[in-house]
Structure formats: structure tokens, C-alpha cells
Amino acid sequence: MSRQKQTDIERRDFLKTLGMAGVATAGAALAGQAQAASAEVPENEATQSSGYQETPHVRSYYDTLRK
């Protein structure tokens, strides 16, 4: 009976290890995707400045509204 118990314990430890390895692999894959997604910046957003800018064509539009 001792041999049977030893086999059962080894099998349980093996299955626990497989489960932990699967969780660790999934966690690493998700962490890699999150890091890659946050690092990407579209080129057109990087070159555009944020905020309001009053350019000549905007100024001419405002002038047409006042008349």
C-alpha cells in the first residue's frame, strides 16, 4: 500500500506543477501583450500637437462670422 500512496502523491505533485506552469505561461503572455500595446503610438498622433491653434484659415473663418 505504501507504493500506491507514493505513486498517488507523485501524480498529484505532477498535476499541480502542470497547473501552475499553465497559469504562469498565461500570465506571462498577457503581460507581454499589455506591454506591447502600451508601447505603440501611431505616427500621426505623435506629430500632431494637442490643443487649440488659431491658424490663418481659422482666423479668416472667424472674420466671416462677425460680418
Protein backbone atom coordinates (compact mmCIF):
# COMPACT_ATOMS: atom_id res chain seq x y z
CA MET A 1 0.00 0.00 0.00
CA SER A 2 2.92 2.33 0.61
CA ARG A 3 3.93 2.10 -3.07
CA GLN A 4 0.38 3.06 -4.13
CA LYS A 5 0.37 6.11 -1.83
CA GLN A 6 3.76 7.21 -3.15
CA THR A 7 2.52 6.97 -6.75
CA ASP A 8 -0.61 8.96 -5.95
CA ILE A 9 1.42 11.70 -4.26
CA GLU A 10 3.83 11.90 -7.20
CA ARG A 11 0.93 12.11 -9.64
CA ARG A 12 -0.72 14.88 -7.61
CA ASP A 13 2.51 16.86 -7.45
CA PHE A 14 2.95 16.47 -11.20
CA LEU A 15 -0.58 17.69 -11.92
CA LYS A 16 -0.17 20.64 -9.53
CA THR A 17 3.04 21.58 -11.28
CA LEU A 18 1.33 21.40 -14.69
CA GLY A 19 -1.45 23.65 -13.46
CA MET A 20 0.96 26.20 -12.03
CA ALA A 21 3.01 26.18 -15.23
CA GLY A 22 -0.11 26.82 -17.29
CA VAL A 23 -1.13 29.76 -15.12
CA ALA A 24 2.39 31.20 -15.24
CA THR A 25 2.53 30.86 -19.03
CA ALA A 26 -0.83 32.58 -19.48
CA GLY A 27 0.19 35.37 -17.13
CA ALA A 28 3.45 35.96 -18.97
CA ALA A 29 1.66 36.02 -22.33
CA LEU A 30 -0.89 38.56 -21.11
CA ALA A 31 1.78 40.74 -19.53
CA GLY A 32 3.73 40.77 -22.80
CA GLN A 33 0.65 41.80 -24.77
CA ALA A 34 -0.18 44.62 -22.36
CA GLN A 35 3.34 45.98 -22.53
CA ALA A 36 3.39 45.83 -26.34
CA ALA A 37 0.02 47.55 -26.62
CA SER A 38 1.02 50.43 -24.39
CA ALA A 39 4.28 50.99 -26.29
CA GLU A 40 2.60 51.52 -29.68
CA VAL A 41 1.94 55.14 -30.67
CA PRO A 42 0.51 55.97 -34.08
CA GLU A 43 2.78 58.24 -36.09
CA ASN A 44 0.12 60.81 -36.91
CA GLU A 45 -0.70 61.28 -33.22
CA ALA A 46 2.95 61.74 -32.32
CA THR A 47 3.44 64.53 -34.88
CA GLN A 48 0.24 66.44 -34.10
CA SER A 49 0.29 68.90 -31.25
CA SER A 50 -2.53 68.84 -28.79
CA GLY A 51 -4.76 71.75 -28.05
CA TYR A 52 -6.34 74.57 -29.96
CA GLN A 53 -4.33 76.54 -32.51
CA GLU A 54 -5.63 79.64 -34.20
CA THR A 55 -4.27 79.36 -37.73
CA PRO A 56 -4.82 81.88 -40.55
CA HIS A 57 -7.68 79.91 -42.11
CA VAL A 58 -9.43 79.68 -38.73
CA ARG A 59 -8.94 83.43 -38.24
CA SER A 60 -10.49 84.12 -41.68
CA TYR A 61 -13.46 81.91 -40.77
CA TYR A 62 -14.00 83.87 -37.54
CA ASP A 63 -13.86 87.10 -39.52
CA THR A 64 -16.66 85.87 -41.81
CA LEU A 65 -18.84 85.18 -38.78
CA ARG A 66 -18.55 88.73 -37.46
CA LYS A 67 -19.77 90.37 -40.66
